[in-house]
Amino acid sequence: MIKIGHLHSITETDIPESILKSVQEDLSVLDFNYGSNRDIDNDAGGFVVICEKDEIISIPYFNEYAEEFEYRAIVGGYDKRLYVSGTERNIILYRKC
């Protein structure tokens, strides 16, 4: 599992090339709306998670299977889902198809 909170904290080697542009756009929106210096573990805003097809993700106060997603798309061989967890915590999950 890769967890990324800010556009400035990624390198191209962190992200599969097939979803790099989409992840960069997601992080840019989160940084613009919630601040590029936010603490992704404690502040509002959110982050991006990239994981394998059957990987179990561990995120405090979040259960992928119990929460409904707000948006879904297939991007570069990944199932991308946006979850709004709480009032302002956005979790964008890319799961390998």
Protein backbone atom coordinates (compact mmCIF):
# COMPACT_ATOMS: atom_id res chain seq x y z
CA MET A 1 0.00 0.00 0.00
CA ILE A 2 1.23 3.43 -0.91
CA LYS A 3 -0.29 6.41 0.92
CA ILE A 4 0.41 9.87 -0.49
CA GLY A 5 -0.93 13.15 0.78
CA HIS A 6 0.72 15.92 -1.18
CA LEU A 7 1.73 16.61 -4.75
CA HIS A 8 5.18 17.77 -3.66
CA SER A 9 5.87 14.51 -1.80
CA ILE A 10 5.66 12.13 -4.74
CA THR A 11 8.23 11.01 -7.20
CA GLU A 12 7.34 9.37 -10.49
CA THR A 13 8.81 6.10 -9.22
CA ASP A 14 6.24 6.00 -6.39
CA ILE A 15 3.28 5.83 -8.75
CA PRO A 16 2.56 3.38 -11.58
CA GLU A 17 2.90 5.28 -14.85
CA SER A 18 -0.60 4.29 -15.98
CA ILE A 19 -2.19 6.34 -13.15
CA LEU A 20 0.48 8.98 -12.50
CA LYS A 21 -1.36 11.86 -14.18
CA SER A 22 -4.63 11.05 -12.42
CA VAL A 23 -2.93 10.82 -9.01
CA GLN A 24 -1.13 14.12 -9.61
CA GLU A 25 -4.46 15.78 -10.46
CA ASP A 26 -6.09 14.33 -7.33
CA LEU A 27 -3.28 15.53 -5.07
CA SER A 28 -3.27 18.95 -6.70
CA VAL A 29 -6.99 19.35 -5.92
CA LEU A 30 -6.53 18.19 -2.32
CA ASP A 31 -3.56 20.54 -1.81
CA PHE A 32 -5.43 23.49 -3.31
CA ASN A 33 -8.59 22.96 -1.29
CA TYR A 34 -7.14 21.80 2.03
CA GLY A 35 -3.58 23.14 2.02
CA SER A 36 -0.29 21.66 0.91
CA ASN A 37 1.09 21.63 4.47
CA ARG A 38 -1.76 19.74 6.13
CA ASP A 39 -1.05 16.73 8.31
CA ILE A 40 -2.79 13.96 6.35
CA ASP A 41 -3.11 11.77 9.43
CA ASN A 42 -4.71 14.40 11.66
CA ASP A 43 -6.13 17.26 9.60
CA ALA A 44 -9.04 17.42 7.20
CA GLY A 45 -8.35 17.04 3.54
CA GLY A 46 -7.40 13.58 2.58
CA PHE A 47 -4.96 11.48 0.66
CA VAL A 48 -4.47 8.94 -2.12
CA VAL A 49 -3.95 5.23 -1.50
CA ILE A 50 -2.61 2.84 -4.16
CA CYS A 51 -2.86 -0.88 -3.53
CA GLU A 52 -2.90 -4.29 -5.14
CA LYS A 53 -6.09 -6.15 -6.08
CA ASP A 54 -6.41 -8.31 -2.96
CA GLU A 55 -4.38 -6.18 -0.55
CA ILE A 56 -5.99 -5.40 2.78
CA ILE A 57 -5.65 -1.71 3.57
CA SER A 58 -5.36 -0.39 7.08
CA ILE A 59 -6.56 3.16 7.55
CA PRO A 60 -7.81 4.28 10.98
CA TYR A 61 -11.56 4.97 11.14
CA PHE A 62 -12.12 3.73 7.58
CA ASN A 63 -13.56 0.49 6.27
CA GLU A 64 -13.57 0.29 2.49
CA TYR A 65 -16.30 -2.36 2.52
CA ALA A 66 -18.63 -0.63 4.98
CA GLU A 67 -18.53 2.85 3.46
CA GLU A 68 -20.13 3.92 0.21
CA PHE A 69 -17.99 5.60 -2.42
CA GLU A 70 -18.97 8.92 -3.99
CA TYR A 71 -17.25 8.42 -7.33
CA ARG A 72 -15.84 5.50 -9.31
CA ALA A 73 -13.81 5.16 -12.52
CA ILE A 74 -11.37 2.74 -14.10
CA VAL A 75 -8.05 4.48 -14.69
CA GLY A 76 -5.01 2.76 -16.18
CA GLY A 77 -5.94 -0.70 -14.94
CA TYR A 78 -6.95 0.54 -11.48
CA ASP A 79 -10.39 0.85 -9.91
CA LYS A 80 -10.42 4.42 -8.59
CA ARG A 81 -12.91 5.25 -5.85
CA LEU A 82 -13.46 8.42 -3.86
CA TYR A 83 -14.69 8.00 -0.31
CA VAL A 84 -15.69 10.93 1.87
CA SER A 85 -14.93 9.62 5.32
CA GLY A 86 -16.23 11.96 7.98
CA THR A 87 -17.01 15.56 7.19
CA GLU A 88 -13.92 16.50 5.18
CA ARG A 89 -11.58 13.52 4.88
CA ASN A 90 -11.36 12.41 1.27
CA ILE A 91 -9.78 9.04 0.59
CA ILE A 92 -9.04 8.34 -3.04
CA LEU A 93 -8.36 4.65 -3.43
CA TYR A 94 -6.70 3.13 -6.50
CA ARG A 95 -7.01 -0.66 -6.40
CA LYS A 96 -5.37 -2.74 -9.13
CA CYS A 97 -8.06 -4.42 -11.28
